[in-house]
Amino acid sequence: MKHRYSLSILQVRLLVLSVLLAGLLRPADSLAQTPADSLSREWRGETFHAPQLIAPGALMVVGAWGVSNGFAKKVKNEVKDGLADLRGNHYLHFDDYVQYAPFVAFEVLDFCGVKGKHSFRERVAMGVTAWAINGLIVQVPKRIFREKRPDTDSRNSFPSGHTTTAFMGAELVRAEYGNAAGIPAYVVATGIAFLRMYNERHWLNDVIAGAGCGIFAAQAARWLLPLERRLLGWKREGDRQLMVVPTVMDGGEPGLSLVVGF
C-alpha cells in the first residue's frame, strides 16, 4: 500500500524530522520474542571483535604521536611545503560539502537499487549513533592536544573533523553495501583528507588520526545497533520504500510529495 503526502517547501524539514523520529520510535514487538534462528544474517553480524580495533587504533595512535614528535613534525612540515608549491594561491574548498557525500550514500543507496543489509530506520539509528561518537572523539582531542593549525593560530587542528566525517561515511557504506560501493566511498574520503592538507587546514597527522576516528565511529555504531534494537523494542521487518517527487500545491506554490510504502 502506498500513501502520498504533499507539503510546501517550508514544511519539508519538519516532515523529514517526523519521518526519522517515526522510524526510530515506532513501537514493535520485543526482539526477545523473535526466535534466534529466524533472524537474518545481518541481524547477527554486528558482534564486536577486538581485531577490528587494530586499523583505526593504529591510525589514531600514529596521528597522536605526530603532534609532538620531532621526526613527525619534520615530515609534516615537508608535506605542507610540498603542497604549498603545488597549490600556489589556488585553494579548493568543496571539501566543506563533499565530506558528507559518503554518509549520504550510506543512507540513500538502498533507495537507488543498491541492496543494503538493514532497513531505513536501522540505518538512521546507526547514523545518529555514529555522529554522536564522531563528535565526542573529535572534539575531546581538539581540547586536549590543542595542536596549532598550519594556516592560523587556532589550536584545534588535531584531529581533522572533515576527514573523520568522510571516513565514517565510507566505512558505513562499505559495511552496509560491500566493497563495490565501499571502495569509491573510501576514494572520496581519501580525497577529502588530501584536500584538508592541500588547503592548508590540517597537518598530515591530523588526517591520519581523522581517518582512524571515522572508521572507529562507524564500527562502534554497528556494534551498538543490537542494543538499540532491544532498547527500542524493534523486531525484524521489511524495508520501507521512500520516494520524494516535486509537486505543485493548491494556489501554484511549489513543494514536494513524499511517498512512503509500508
C-alpha atoms as a PDB file:
ATOM      1  CA  MET A   1       0.000   0.000   0.000  1.00  0.00           C
ATOM      2  CA  LYS A   2       1.314   3.462  -0.881  1.00  0.00           C
ATOM      3  CA  HIS A   3       0.341   6.844   0.543  1.00  0.00           C
ATOM      4  CA  ARG A   4       1.055  10.271  -0.983  1.00  0.00           C
ATOM      5  CA  TYR A   5       1.673  13.287   1.195  1.00  0.00           C
ATOM      6  CA  SER A   6       2.116  16.780  -0.279  1.00  0.00           C
ATOM      7  CA  LEU A   7       3.643  19.724   1.508  1.00  0.00           C
ATOM      8  CA  SER A   8       5.231  23.091   0.866  1.00  0.00           C
ATOM      9  CA  ILE A   9       8.944  23.689   0.722  1.00  0.00           C
ATOM     10  CA  LEU A  10       8.747  25.386   4.140  1.00  0.00           C
ATOM     11  CA  GLN A  11       7.360  22.158   5.643  1.00  0.00           C
ATOM     12  CA  VAL A  12       9.925  19.767   4.147  1.00  0.00           C
ATOM     13  CA  ARG A  13      12.357  19.917   7.075  1.00  0.00           C
ATOM     14  CA  LEU A  14       9.600  19.216   9.591  1.00  0.00           C
ATOM     15  CA  LEU A  15       8.428  16.264   7.521  1.00  0.00           C
ATOM     16  CA  VAL A  16      11.892  14.758   7.274  1.00  0.00           C
ATOM     17  CA  LEU A  17      12.353  15.079  11.028  1.00  0.00           C
ATOM     18  CA  SER A  18       8.961  13.481  11.635  1.00  0.00           C
ATOM     19  CA  VAL A  19       9.731  10.546   9.344  1.00  0.00           C
ATOM     20  CA  LEU A  20      13.040   9.881  11.067  1.00  0.00           C
ATOM     21  CA  LEU A  21      11.521  10.056  14.528  1.00  0.00           C
ATOM     22  CA  ALA A  22       8.637   7.813  13.491  1.00  0.00           C
ATOM     23  CA  GLY A  23      11.088   5.260  12.157  1.00  0.00           C
ATOM     24  CA  LEU A  24      13.136   5.330  15.335  1.00  0.00           C
ATOM     25  CA  LEU A  25      10.328   5.350  17.883  1.00  0.00           C
ATOM     26  CA  ARG A  26       7.644   3.201  16.216  1.00  0.00           C
ATOM     27  CA  PRO A  27       6.551   0.500  18.698  1.00  0.00           C
ATOM     28  CA  ALA A  28       7.308  -3.086  17.797  1.00  0.00           C
ATOM     29  CA  ASP A  29       7.326  -6.466  19.486  1.00  0.00           C
ATOM     30  CA  SER A  30      10.320  -7.259  21.634  1.00  0.00           C
ATOM     31  CA  LEU A  31      13.297  -8.759  19.823  1.00  0.00           C
ATOM     32  CA  ALA A  32      13.386 -11.391  22.515  1.00  0.00           C
ATOM     33  CA  GLN A  33      10.107 -12.752  21.162  1.00  0.00           C
ATOM     34  CA  THR A  34      11.692 -13.488  17.783  1.00  0.00           C
ATOM     35  CA  PRO A  35      13.392 -16.905  17.544  1.00  0.00           C
ATOM     36  CA  ALA A  36      17.132 -16.589  17.062  1.00  0.00           C
ATOM     37  CA  ASP A  37      17.104 -18.968  14.085  1.00  0.00           C
ATOM     38  CA  SER A  38      14.661 -16.713  12.233  1.00  0.00           C
ATOM     39  CA  LEU A  39      16.891 -13.681  12.443  1.00  0.00           C
ATOM     40  CA  SER A  40      18.612 -12.862   9.187  1.00  0.00           C
ATOM     41  CA  ARG A  41      22.369 -12.951   8.976  1.00  0.00           C
ATOM     42  CA  GLU A  42      22.792  -9.184   9.145  1.00  0.00           C
ATOM     43  CA  TRP A  43      20.944  -9.087  12.470  1.00  0.00           C
ATOM     44  CA  ARG A  44      23.625 -11.281  13.976  1.00  0.00           C
ATOM     45  CA  GLY A  45      26.524  -9.637  12.179  1.00  0.00           C
ATOM     46  CA  GLU A  46      27.468  -6.617  14.313  1.00  0.00           C
ATOM     47  CA  THR A  47      29.261  -8.512  17.079  1.00  0.00           C
ATOM     48  CA  PHE A  48      32.318  -6.767  18.478  1.00  0.00           C
ATOM     49  CA  HIS A  49      35.655  -8.376  17.575  1.00  0.00           C
ATOM     50  CA  ALA A  50      38.862  -6.971  19.072  1.00  0.00           C
ATOM     51  CA  PRO A  51      40.885  -7.252  15.809  1.00  0.00           C
ATOM     52  CA  GLN A  52      38.525  -4.675  14.295  1.00  0.00           C
ATOM     53  CA  LEU A  53      40.199  -2.096  16.534  1.00  0.00           C
ATOM     54  CA  ILE A  54      43.656  -2.622  15.034  1.00  0.00           C
ATOM     55  CA  ALA A  55      43.346  -0.441  11.923  1.00  0.00           C
ATOM     56  CA  PRO A  56      41.519   2.558  13.443  1.00  0.00           C
ATOM     57  CA  GLY A  57      43.522   2.305  16.648  1.00  0.00           C
ATOM     58  CA  ALA A  58      46.842   2.302  14.782  1.00  0.00           C
ATOM     59  CA  LEU A  59      45.802   5.342  12.724  1.00  0.00           C
ATOM     60  CA  MET A  60      44.781   7.276  15.832  1.00  0.00           C
ATOM     61  CA  VAL A  61      47.979   6.387  17.697  1.00  0.00           C
ATOM     62  CA  VAL A  62      50.186   7.397  14.762  1.00  0.00           C
ATOM     63  CA  GLY A  63      48.270  10.659  14.419  1.00  0.00           C
ATOM     64  CA  ALA A  64      48.608  11.481  18.113  1.00  0.00           C
ATOM     65  CA  TRP A  65      52.319  10.600  18.006  1.00  0.00           C
ATOM     66  CA  GLY A  66      52.734  13.151  15.231  1.00  0.00           C
ATOM     67  CA  VAL A  67      51.501  16.042  17.359  1.00  0.00           C
ATOM     68  CA  SER A  68      54.762  16.498  19.253  1.00  0.00           C
ATOM     69  CA  ASN A  69      57.319  14.017  17.904  1.00  0.00           C
ATOM     70  CA  GLY A  70      60.305  15.779  16.350  1.00  0.00           C
ATOM     71  CA  PHE A  71      60.675  13.460  13.343  1.00  0.00           C
ATOM     72  CA  ALA A  72      56.943  13.571  12.645  1.00  0.00           C
ATOM     73  CA  LYS A  73      56.977  17.360  12.788  1.00  0.00           C
ATOM     74  CA  LYS A  74      59.734  17.425  10.184  1.00  0.00           C
ATOM     75  CA  VAL A  75      57.797  15.116   7.882  1.00  0.00           C
ATOM     76  CA  LYS A  76      54.531  17.019   8.158  1.00  0.00           C
ATOM     77  CA  ASN A  77      56.277  20.340   7.533  1.00  0.00           C
ATOM     78  CA  GLU A  78      57.846  18.870   4.394  1.00  0.00           C
ATOM     79  CA  VAL A  79      54.417  17.721   3.256  1.00  0.00           C
ATOM     80  CA  LYS A  80      52.999  21.174   3.954  1.00  0.00           C
ATOM     81  CA  ASP A  81      55.770  22.886   1.939  1.00  0.00           C
ATOM     82  CA  GLY A  82      55.377  20.453  -0.948  1.00  0.00           C
ATOM     83  CA  LEU A  83      51.646  21.056  -1.148  1.00  0.00           C
ATOM     84  CA  ALA A  84      52.207  24.813  -0.966  1.00  0.00           C
ATOM     85  CA  ASP A  85      54.384  24.589  -4.083  1.00  0.00           C
ATOM     86  CA  LEU A  86      51.682  22.532  -5.798  1.00  0.00           C
ATOM     87  CA  ARG A  87      48.811  24.775  -4.714  1.00  0.00           C
ATOM     88  CA  GLY A  88      50.130  28.272  -5.106  1.00  0.00           C
ATOM     89  CA  ASN A  89      47.144  30.549  -4.467  1.00  0.00           C
ATOM     90  CA  HIS A  90      44.580  28.091  -5.852  1.00  0.00           C
ATOM     91  CA  TYR A  91      42.565  26.750  -2.935  1.00  0.00           C
ATOM     92  CA  LEU A  92      39.746  24.229  -3.386  1.00  0.00           C
ATOM     93  CA  HIS A  93      37.058  24.481  -0.735  1.00  0.00           C
ATOM     94  CA  PHE A  94      34.440  21.994  -1.969  1.00  0.00           C
ATOM     95  CA  ASP A  95      35.706  19.591   0.694  1.00  0.00           C
ATOM     96  CA  ASP A  96      33.423  21.502   3.089  1.00  0.00           C
ATOM     97  CA  TYR A  97      30.484  19.890   1.278  1.00  0.00           C
ATOM     98  CA  VAL A  98      31.811  16.682  -0.255  1.00  0.00           C
ATOM     99  CA  GLN A  99      32.824  15.402   3.195  1.00  0.00           C
ATOM    100  CA  TYR A 100      29.175  14.423   3.712  1.00  0.00           C
ATOM    101  CA  ALA A 101      28.813  12.503   0.431  1.00  0.00           C
ATOM    102  CA  PRO A 102      29.773   9.047   1.793  1.00  0.00           C
ATOM    103  CA  PHE A 103      27.365   9.375   4.708  1.00  0.00           C
ATOM    104  CA  VAL A 104      24.525  10.471   2.424  1.00  0.00           C
ATOM    105  CA  ALA A 105      25.296   7.488   0.194  1.00  0.00           C
ATOM    106  CA  PHE A 106      25.034   5.205   3.225  1.00  0.00           C
ATOM    107  CA  GLU A 107      21.521   6.428   3.951  1.00  0.00           C
ATOM    108  CA  VAL A 108      20.096   6.549   0.399  1.00  0.00           C
ATOM    109  CA  LEU A 109      21.840   3.948  -1.774  1.00  0.00           C
ATOM    110  CA  ASP A 110      19.233   1.360  -0.799  1.00  0.00           C
ATOM    111  CA  PHE A 111      16.547   3.574  -2.338  1.00  0.00           C
ATOM    112  CA  CYS A 112      18.620   3.745  -5.542  1.00  0.00           C
ATOM    113  CA  GLY A 113      18.579  -0.011  -6.068  1.00  0.00           C
ATOM    114  CA  VAL A 114      21.743  -0.992  -4.182  1.00  0.00           C
ATOM    115  CA  LYS A 115      20.606  -3.588  -1.651  1.00  0.00           C
ATOM    116  CA  GLY A 116      21.721  -2.859   1.881  1.00  0.00           C
ATOM    117  CA  LYS A 117      21.777  -5.075   4.942  1.00  0.00           C
ATOM    118  CA  HIS A 118      19.489  -3.013   7.152  1.00  0.00           C
ATOM    119  CA  SER A 119      16.170  -1.215   6.993  1.00  0.00           C
ATOM    120  CA  PHE A 120      15.945   2.544   6.695  1.00  0.00           C
ATOM    121  CA  ARG A 121      15.215   3.090  10.382  1.00  0.00           C
ATOM    122  CA  GLU A 122      18.224   0.931  11.320  1.00  0.00           C
ATOM    123  CA  ARG A 123      20.458   2.982   9.049  1.00  0.00           C
ATOM    124  CA  VAL A 124      19.091   6.126  10.689  1.00  0.00           C
ATOM    125  CA  ALA A 125      19.854   4.670  14.111  1.00  0.00           C
ATOM    126  CA  MET A 126      23.400   3.777  13.094  1.00  0.00           C
ATOM    127  CA  GLY A 127      23.846   7.200  11.536  1.00  0.00           C
ATOM    128  CA  VAL A 128      22.710   9.064  14.643  1.00  0.00           C
ATOM    129  CA  THR A 129      24.948   6.918  16.844  1.00  0.00           C
ATOM    130  CA  ALA A 130      27.935   7.347  14.536  1.00  0.00           C
ATOM    131  CA  TRP A 131      27.512  11.135  14.556  1.00  0.00           C
ATOM    132  CA  ALA A 132      27.344  11.194  18.343  1.00  0.00           C
ATOM    133  CA  ILE A 133      30.543   9.162  18.634  1.00  0.00           C
ATOM    134  CA  ASN A 134      32.121  11.260  15.884  1.00  0.00           C
ATOM    135  CA  GLY A 135      31.535  14.465  17.827  1.00  0.00           C
ATOM    136  CA  LEU A 136      32.971  13.005  21.021  1.00  0.00           C
ATOM    137  CA  ILE A 137      36.168  11.533  19.587  1.00  0.00           C
ATOM    138  CA  VAL A 138      36.905  14.654  17.532  1.00  0.00           C
ATOM    139  CA  GLN A 139      36.125  17.460  19.973  1.00  0.00           C
ATOM    140  CA  VAL A 140      37.724  15.950  23.074  1.00  0.00           C
ATOM    141  CA  PRO A 141      41.210  15.506  21.495  1.00  0.00           C
ATOM    142  CA  LYS A 142      40.986  19.001  19.997  1.00  0.00           C
ATOM    143  CA  ARG A 143      40.715  20.380  23.522  1.00  0.00           C
ATOM    144  CA  ILE A 144      43.352  18.070  24.974  1.00  0.00           C
ATOM    145  CA  PHE A 145      46.106  18.280  22.342  1.00  0.00           C
ATOM    146  CA  ARG A 146      45.486  21.892  21.213  1.00  0.00           C
ATOM    147  CA  GLU A 147      47.563  21.450  18.086  1.00  0.00           C
ATOM    148  CA  LYS A 148      48.021  24.690  16.137  1.00  0.00           C
ATOM    149  CA  ARG A 149      46.579  24.765  12.628  1.00  0.00           C
ATOM    150  CA  PRO A 150      49.050  25.211   9.769  1.00  0.00           C
ATOM    151  CA  ASP A 151      47.314  28.353   8.469  1.00  0.00           C
ATOM    152  CA  THR A 152      46.150  30.164  11.646  1.00  0.00           C
ATOM    153  CA  ASP A 153      46.836  30.472  15.347  1.00  0.00           C
ATOM    154  CA  SER A 154      43.770  28.403  16.196  1.00  0.00           C
ATOM    155  CA  ARG A 155      44.667  25.428  18.366  1.00  0.00           C
ATOM    156  CA  ASN A 156      42.077  22.903  17.246  1.00  0.00           C
ATOM    157  CA  SER A 157      43.832  21.152  14.385  1.00  0.00           C
ATOM    158  CA  PHE A 158      44.066  17.604  15.769  1.00  0.00           C
ATOM    159  CA  PRO A 159      42.267  15.544  14.568  1.00  0.00           C
ATOM    160  CA  SER A 160      40.649  16.570  11.276  1.00  0.00           C
ATOM    161  CA  GLY A 161      36.869  16.680  11.664  1.00  0.00           C
ATOM    162  CA  HIS A 162      36.257  16.739   7.900  1.00  0.00           C
ATOM    163  CA  THR A 163      38.376  13.621   7.453  1.00  0.00           C
ATOM    164  CA  THR A 164      36.622  11.894  10.341  1.00  0.00           C
ATOM    165  CA  THR A 165      33.220  12.609   8.799  1.00  0.00           C
ATOM    166  CA  ALA A 166      34.290  11.355   5.373  1.00  0.00           C
ATOM    167  CA  PHE A 167      35.844   8.115   6.627  1.00  0.00           C
ATOM    168  CA  MET A 168      32.927   7.484   8.968  1.00  0.00           C
ATOM    169  CA  GLY A 169      30.599   7.578   5.987  1.00  0.00           C
ATOM    170  CA  ALA A 170      32.938   5.468   3.851  1.00  0.00           C
ATOM    171  CA  GLU A 171      33.165   2.702   6.450  1.00  0.00           C
ATOM    172  CA  LEU A 172      29.391   2.713   6.919  1.00  0.00           C
ATOM    173  CA  VAL A 173      28.966   2.342   3.146  1.00  0.00           C
ATOM    174  CA  ARG A 174      31.491  -0.491   2.955  1.00  0.00           C
ATOM    175  CA  ALA A 175      29.927  -2.402   5.832  1.00  0.00           C
ATOM    176  CA  GLU A 176      26.377  -1.882   4.582  1.00  0.00           C
ATOM    177  CA  TYR A 177      26.732  -2.379   0.822  1.00  0.00           C
ATOM    178  CA  GLY A 178      30.018  -4.230   0.346  1.00  0.00           C
ATOM    179  CA  ASN A 179      33.327  -3.378  -1.279  1.00  0.00           C
ATOM    180  CA  ALA A 180      31.824  -2.471  -4.652  1.00  0.00           C
ATOM    181  CA  ALA A 181      30.269   0.607  -3.064  1.00  0.00           C
ATOM    182  CA  GLY A 182      32.809   0.933  -0.259  1.00  0.00           C
ATOM    183  CA  ILE A 183      35.869   1.394  -2.461  1.00  0.00           C
ATOM    184  CA  PRO A 184      34.504   4.513  -4.239  1.00  0.00           C
ATOM    185  CA  ALA A 185      33.393   5.869  -0.866  1.00  0.00           C
ATOM    186  CA  TYR A 186      36.897   5.392   0.509  1.00  0.00           C
ATOM    187  CA  VAL A 187      38.349   7.100  -2.569  1.00  0.00           C
ATOM    188  CA  VAL A 188      36.168  10.125  -1.833  1.00  0.00           C
ATOM    189  CA  ALA A 189      37.197  10.066   1.839  1.00  0.00           C
ATOM    190  CA  THR A 190      40.883   9.895   0.901  1.00  0.00           C
ATOM    191  CA  GLY A 191      40.350  12.851  -1.426  1.00  0.00           C
ATOM    192  CA  ILE A 192      38.872  14.845   1.453  1.00  0.00           C
ATOM    193  CA  ALA A 193      41.914  14.041   3.609  1.00  0.00           C
ATOM    194  CA  PHE A 194      44.204  15.240   0.817  1.00  0.00           C
ATOM    195  CA  LEU A 195      42.216  18.452   0.348  1.00  0.00           C
ATOM    196  CA  ARG A 196      42.418  19.275   4.052  1.00  0.00           C
ATOM    197  CA  MET A 197      46.207  19.327   3.704  1.00  0.00           C
ATOM    198  CA  TYR A 198      46.126  20.927   0.245  1.00  0.00           C
ATOM    199  CA  ASN A 199      44.015  23.789   1.583  1.00  0.00           C
ATOM    200  CA  GLU A 200      46.486  24.200   4.485  1.00  0.00           C
ATOM    201  CA  ARG A 201      43.811  23.470   7.079  1.00  0.00           C
ATOM    202  CA  HIS A 202      45.410  20.362   8.590  1.00  0.00           C
ATOM    203  CA  TRP A 203      48.679  18.542   9.066  1.00  0.00           C
ATOM    204  CA  LEU A 204      49.404  15.041   7.826  1.00  0.00           C
ATOM    205  CA  ASN A 205      48.999  13.525  11.286  1.00  0.00           C
ATOM    206  CA  ASP A 206      45.618  15.272  11.692  1.00  0.00           C
ATOM    207  CA  VAL A 207      44.101  13.498   8.702  1.00  0.00           C
ATOM    208  CA  ILE A 208      45.707  10.155   9.615  1.00  0.00           C
ATOM    209  CA  ALA A 209      44.057  10.300  13.030  1.00  0.00           C
ATOM    210  CA  GLY A 210      40.835  11.588  11.480  1.00  0.00           C
ATOM    211  CA  ALA A 211      40.637   8.518   9.260  1.00  0.00           C
ATOM    212  CA  GLY A 212      41.024   6.266  12.288  1.00  0.00           C
ATOM    213  CA  CYS A 213      38.414   8.187  14.270  1.00  0.00           C
ATOM    214  CA  GLY A 214      35.918   7.972  11.424  1.00  0.00           C
ATOM    215  CA  ILE A 215      36.358   4.229  10.922  1.00  0.00           C
ATOM    216  CA  PHE A 216      36.015   3.632  14.651  1.00  0.00           C
ATOM    217  CA  ALA A 217      32.835   5.759  14.884  1.00  0.00           C
ATOM    218  CA  ALA A 218      31.235   3.728  12.099  1.00  0.00           C
ATOM    219  CA  GLN A 219      32.241   0.398  13.617  1.00  0.00           C
ATOM    220  CA  ALA A 220      31.045   1.392  17.093  1.00  0.00           C
ATOM    221  CA  ALA A 221      27.665   2.436  15.665  1.00  0.00           C
ATOM    222  CA  ARG A 222      27.266  -1.029  14.174  1.00  0.00           C
ATOM    223  CA  TRP A 223      28.292  -2.731  17.419  1.00  0.00           C
ATOM    224  CA  LEU A 224      25.671  -0.746  19.339  1.00  0.00           C
ATOM    225  CA  LEU A 225      22.824  -1.421  16.902  1.00  0.00           C
ATOM    226  CA  PRO A 226      21.699  -4.727  18.510  1.00  0.00           C
ATOM    227  CA  LEU A 227      21.480  -2.950  21.873  1.00  0.00           C
ATOM    228  CA  GLU A 228      19.438  -0.142  20.338  1.00  0.00           C
ATOM    229  CA  ARG A 229      17.060  -2.684  18.800  1.00  0.00           C
ATOM    230  CA  ARG A 230      16.399  -4.175  22.208  1.00  0.00           C
ATOM    231  CA  LEU A 231      16.017  -0.804  23.924  1.00  0.00           C
ATOM    232  CA  LEU A 232      13.551   0.359  21.265  1.00  0.00           C
ATOM    233  CA  GLY A 233      11.749  -2.987  21.052  1.00  0.00           C
ATOM    234  CA  TRP A 234      12.321  -3.482  17.348  1.00  0.00           C
ATOM    235  CA  LYS A 235      11.711  -6.726  15.534  1.00  0.00           C
ATOM    236  CA  ARG A 236      12.828  -7.678  12.044  1.00  0.00           C
ATOM    237  CA  GLU A 237      10.662  -6.242   9.282  1.00  0.00           C
ATOM    238  CA  GLY A 238      10.948  -5.425   5.618  1.00  0.00           C
ATOM    239  CA  ASP A 239      12.486  -2.226   4.328  1.00  0.00           C
ATOM    240  CA  ARG A 240      10.280   0.731   3.777  1.00  0.00           C
ATOM    241  CA  GLN A 241      10.096   2.299   0.352  1.00  0.00           C
ATOM    242  CA  LEU A 242      10.583   6.040   0.165  1.00  0.00           C
ATOM    243  CA  MET A 243      10.244   8.359  -2.828  1.00  0.00           C
ATOM    244  CA  VAL A 244      10.326  12.151  -3.000  1.00  0.00           C
ATOM    245  CA  VAL A 245       8.834  13.848  -6.062  1.00  0.00           C
ATOM    246  CA  PRO A 246       8.277  17.533  -6.934  1.00  0.00           C
ATOM    247  CA  THR A 247       4.665  18.747  -6.855  1.00  0.00           C
ATOM    248  CA  VAL A 248       2.573  21.906  -7.064  1.00  0.00           C
ATOM    249  CA  MET A 249       0.415  22.862  -4.086  1.00  0.00           C
ATOM    250  CA  ASP A 250      -3.017  24.497  -4.279  1.00  0.00           C
ATOM    251  CA  GLY A 251      -2.527  28.021  -5.480  1.00  0.00           C
ATOM    252  CA  GLY A 252       0.566  27.162  -7.525  1.00  0.00           C
ATOM    253  CA  GLU A 253       3.053  27.050  -4.652  1.00  0.00           C
ATOM    254  CA  PRO A 254       5.950  24.637  -5.372  1.00  0.00           C
ATOM    255  CA  GLY A 255       6.510  21.778  -2.975  1.00  0.00           C
ATOM    256  CA  LEU A 256       7.463  18.135  -2.570  1.00  0.00           C
ATOM    257  CA  SER A 257       5.479  14.936  -2.228  1.00  0.00           C
ATOM    258  CA  LEU A 258       6.801  12.142  -0.029  1.00  0.00           C
ATOM    259  CA  VAL A 259       5.525   8.682  -0.974  1.00  0.00           C
ATOM    260  CA  VAL A 260       6.054   6.090   1.751  1.00  0.00           C
ATOM    261  CA  GLY A 261       5.340   2.411   1.165  1.00  0.00           C
ATOM    262  CA  PHE A 262       4.949   0.001   4.095  1.00  0.00           C
END
